[in-house]
Protein backbone atom coordinates (compact mmCIF):
# COMPACT_ATOMS: atom_id res chain seq x y z
CA MET A 1 0.10 0.34 -0.01
CA ILE A 2 1.39 3.51 -1.35
CA LYS A 3 0.59 6.14 1.21
CA TYR A 4 0.76 9.64 -0.21
CA GLY A 5 1.15 13.10 2.59
CA GLY A 6 3.91 13.23 5.18
CA ALA A 7 7.26 14.24 5.04
CA PRO A 8 8.48 11.79 2.67
CA ALA A 9 6.00 13.68 -0.14
CA LEU A 10 7.13 17.41 0.82
CA PHE A 11 10.59 16.58 0.52
CA PRO A 12 10.86 16.77 -3.30
CA LEU A 13 8.43 20.18 -3.02
CA LEU A 14 11.14 21.47 -0.30
CA LEU A 15 14.17 20.65 -2.84
CA MET A 16 12.25 22.19 -5.35
CA MET A 17 11.59 25.39 -3.55
CA THR A 18 15.16 25.47 -2.06
CA LEU A 19 17.09 24.87 -5.46
CA ALA A 20 14.74 27.84 -6.96
CA GLY A 21 15.70 30.23 -3.97
CA LEU A 22 19.61 29.04 -4.91
CA VAL A 23 18.95 29.95 -8.67
CA TYR A 24 17.77 33.23 -7.66
CA TRP A 25 20.21 34.58 -5.27
CA LEU A 26 22.67 33.28 -7.73
CA GLU A 27 21.39 35.53 -10.31
CA ILE A 28 20.65 38.29 -8.36
CA SER A 29 24.35 38.17 -6.54
CA THR A 30 26.51 37.99 -9.78
CA GLU A 31 24.82 40.97 -11.87
CA PRO A 32 26.82 43.56 -11.75
CA LEU A 33 26.18 46.87 -9.72
CA PRO A 34 24.39 49.82 -11.28
CA PRO A 35 27.34 52.29 -11.78
CA LYS A 36 27.33 54.97 -9.43
CA ALA A 37 27.01 59.02 -10.30
CA ASP A 38 30.13 60.63 -10.01
CA ALA A 39 29.75 64.53 -9.94
CA ASN A 40 32.89 64.66 -12.01
CA LEU A 41 31.62 62.82 -15.04
CA ARG A 42 28.41 65.35 -15.02
CA HIS A 43 28.70 68.63 -15.92
CA ASP A 44 27.48 69.90 -12.71
CA PRO A 45 29.19 72.99 -10.98
CA ASP A 46 31.25 72.27 -7.83
CA ALA A 47 31.65 76.00 -6.87
CA THR A 48 30.14 79.19 -7.61
CA ALA A 49 30.92 82.78 -6.98
CA GLU A 50 29.20 86.55 -7.07
CA LYS A 51 30.61 89.77 -7.42
CA PHE A 52 34.45 88.78 -7.43
CA THR A 53 37.99 89.55 -8.66
CA VAL A 54 41.00 87.70 -9.28
CA LEU A 55 44.48 89.13 -9.48
CA ARG A 56 46.90 87.44 -11.19
CA TYR A 57 51.14 88.96 -10.58
CA GLY A 58 53.96 88.32 -12.77
CA PRO A 59 57.06 86.77 -11.35
CA ASP A 60 58.64 90.48 -10.96
CA GLY A 61 55.29 91.10 -8.42
CA ARG A 62 53.87 93.25 -10.73
CA LEU A 63 50.18 92.97 -11.12
CA HIS A 64 49.56 91.48 -14.39
CA TYR A 65 45.78 91.23 -15.12
CA GLN A 66 42.58 91.61 -13.24
CA LEU A 67 39.60 89.55 -13.34
CA VAL A 68 36.66 91.43 -12.09
CA ALA A 69 32.66 89.78 -12.96
CA ASP A 70 29.13 89.29 -11.59
CA TYR A 71 28.79 85.42 -11.41
CA MET A 72 31.23 82.39 -12.15
CA GLU A 73 30.65 78.48 -11.88
CA HIS A 74 33.29 76.11 -11.97
CA TYR A 75 32.81 72.73 -13.46
CA PRO A 76 35.16 69.69 -11.81
CA ASP A 77 34.78 67.75 -15.32
CA ASP A 78 36.73 69.48 -17.42
CA ASP A 79 38.16 72.05 -14.99
CA SER A 80 36.09 74.91 -17.00
CA SER A 81 34.73 78.44 -15.45
CA LEU A 82 31.90 79.95 -16.71
CA ILE A 83 31.64 83.45 -16.08
CA GLN A 84 29.21 86.30 -16.59
CA THR A 85 29.73 89.98 -17.65
CA PRO A 86 33.30 89.77 -17.27
CA ARG A 87 36.23 92.77 -17.35
CA LEU A 88 39.58 91.96 -18.07
CA THR A 89 42.42 94.36 -17.34
CA ASN A 90 45.79 93.60 -18.97
CA TYR A 91 48.80 96.09 -16.97
CA ARG A 92 52.03 96.11 -18.72
CA PRO A 93 54.48 98.81 -17.09
CA GLN A 94 55.18 101.90 -19.72
CA SER A 95 52.29 100.83 -22.04
CA PRO A 96 48.63 101.66 -21.81
CA ASP A 97 46.34 99.51 -20.10
CA VAL A 98 44.00 96.79 -21.97
CA THR A 99 40.71 96.06 -20.86
CA LEU A 100 37.75 93.57 -22.20
CA ILE A 101 34.28 93.44 -21.38
CA GLY A 102 31.93 90.80 -22.90
CA LYS A 103 28.57 89.30 -21.97
CA SER A 104 29.87 86.13 -20.62
CA ALA A 105 33.01 84.10 -20.73
CA LEU A 106 34.61 80.23 -20.76
CA VAL A 107 37.94 80.17 -18.82
CA THR A 108 39.91 76.70 -19.64
CA GLU A 109 43.18 75.32 -18.98
CA GLU A 110 43.97 76.71 -15.64
CA GLY A 111 42.77 80.21 -16.81
CA LYS A 112 45.46 80.34 -19.74
CA ARG A 113 42.84 80.79 -22.52
CA VAL A 114 39.56 82.88 -22.18
CA LEU A 115 36.74 83.11 -24.50
CA VAL A 116 35.08 85.94 -24.53
CA GLN A 117 31.55 85.89 -26.25
CA GLU A 118 28.78 88.21 -26.81
CA ASN A 119 29.13 92.17 -27.40
CA VAL A 120 33.12 91.78 -27.13
CA VAL A 121 34.51 95.12 -26.16
CA LEU A 122 38.28 95.44 -26.29
CA THR A 123 39.79 99.31 -25.10
CA ARG A 124 43.51 100.18 -25.08
CA ALA A 125 43.61 103.31 -23.04
CA ALA A 126 44.72 106.41 -24.31
CA PHE A 127 48.40 106.88 -24.06
CA ALA A 128 51.17 109.67 -25.63
CA GLY A 129 48.62 112.42 -26.91
CA ARG A 130 46.71 109.34 -28.60
CA PRO A 131 43.09 108.53 -28.34
CA ALA A 132 41.69 105.22 -26.84
CA LEU A 133 41.84 102.35 -29.46
CA VAL A 134 38.53 100.64 -28.84
CA ALA A 135 37.75 97.06 -30.86
CA ARG A 136 34.39 95.41 -31.22
CA THR A 137 33.78 91.86 -32.24
CA PRO A 138 31.07 89.30 -31.42
CA GLU A 139 33.75 86.76 -29.51
CA LEU A 140 37.30 86.68 -28.52
CA THR A 141 40.10 84.12 -27.47
CA VAL A 142 42.50 85.90 -24.90
CA LEU A 143 45.44 84.42 -23.58
CA PRO A 144 46.01 86.71 -20.70
CA ASP A 145 49.54 85.23 -19.42
CA GLU A 146 50.76 85.56 -23.28
CA GLY A 147 49.17 88.92 -23.54
CA LYS A 148 48.00 87.82 -26.88
CA ALA A 149 44.05 87.47 -28.35
CA PHE A 150 42.66 86.04 -31.69
CA ASN A 151 39.56 85.52 -33.31
CA GLN A 152 37.86 84.62 -37.21
CA HIS A 153 35.29 87.00 -36.97
CA PRO A 154 34.40 90.87 -37.88
CA VAL A 155 36.10 93.42 -36.25
CA GLN A 156 35.45 97.20 -36.20
CA ILE A 157 38.37 99.27 -34.55
CA THR A 158 38.39 102.89 -33.94
CA GLN A 159 40.89 105.36 -32.51
CA GLY A 160 39.50 108.84 -32.46
CA ASP A 161 38.12 109.61 -36.03
CA SER A 162 39.90 107.10 -37.61
CA TRP A 163 38.12 103.42 -38.17
CA ILE A 164 39.19 99.88 -39.70
CA ASN A 165 37.19 96.76 -40.15
CA GLY A 166 37.99 93.12 -41.17
CA VAL A 167 37.86 89.84 -40.12
CA GLY A 168 40.24 88.17 -38.20
CA LEU A 169 42.18 89.62 -35.02
CA GLN A 170 45.22 88.46 -33.88
CA MET A 171 46.69 91.29 -31.19
CA ASP A 172 49.46 90.76 -29.09
CA ASN A 173 49.55 93.48 -26.55
CA ASN A 174 53.37 92.78 -25.69
CA LEU A 175 54.20 94.17 -28.87
CA GLY A 176 51.43 96.64 -28.78
CA THR A 177 50.05 95.41 -32.79
CA PHE A 178 46.89 94.59 -33.89
CA VAL A 179 46.63 92.69 -37.49
CA LEU A 180 43.00 92.34 -39.34
CA GLN A 181 43.52 89.02 -41.49
CA LYS A 182 40.80 89.99 -44.32
CA GLN A 183 38.59 92.28 -45.74
CA VAL A 184 40.09 95.08 -44.53
CA ARG A 185 38.98 98.46 -45.01
CA GLY A 186 39.44 102.02 -43.14
CA ALA A 187 40.36 105.47 -43.27
CA TYR A 188 42.58 107.23 -40.96
CA VAL A 189 42.13 111.21 -40.14
CA ARG A 190 45.53 112.30 -39.31
CA ASN A 191 45.22 114.68 -36.02
CA PRO A 192 46.06 118.08 -36.66
CA ALA A 193 49.62 119.53 -35.91
CA PRO A 194 49.39 121.54 -32.25
């Protein structure tokens, strides 16, 4: 006589349930963990500043340039900074100050490269009886430590009543030169002799 029920009949069922549980446990324990969200991999700011000034001094201890702005965000993923309403002034001994303003700027390469954008105005202060020189352009890349700036955009330069327009600017503040690369035209108005 065969009996059904009791402990011997439950054994195969318990064995199947145990095996199913082990298979499930092995499946979830061997799945890779989801990647952790790393702030350095996202383009999220890690620092902000309002109404700030940055001063950079040369090896001789003299003020090399000054950056004043309303707002800045620093991004750790590419070590860049986005600056609103920057005003960058370059100081050189026995030369006129050069000031650059724009609506925004992107600072990269540890401050060695600055892309100034939107309504960029570069002004070389008046000196030696000459009026201030003012250059206007949509954007300008500046290498502050080298005293150089360049772009491939339309540029309008005025100095007193004289003016010159062109496309593509190469500026060297160390030499005091502005070079327009193409489509250059202008008018030179000589100041009357004293």
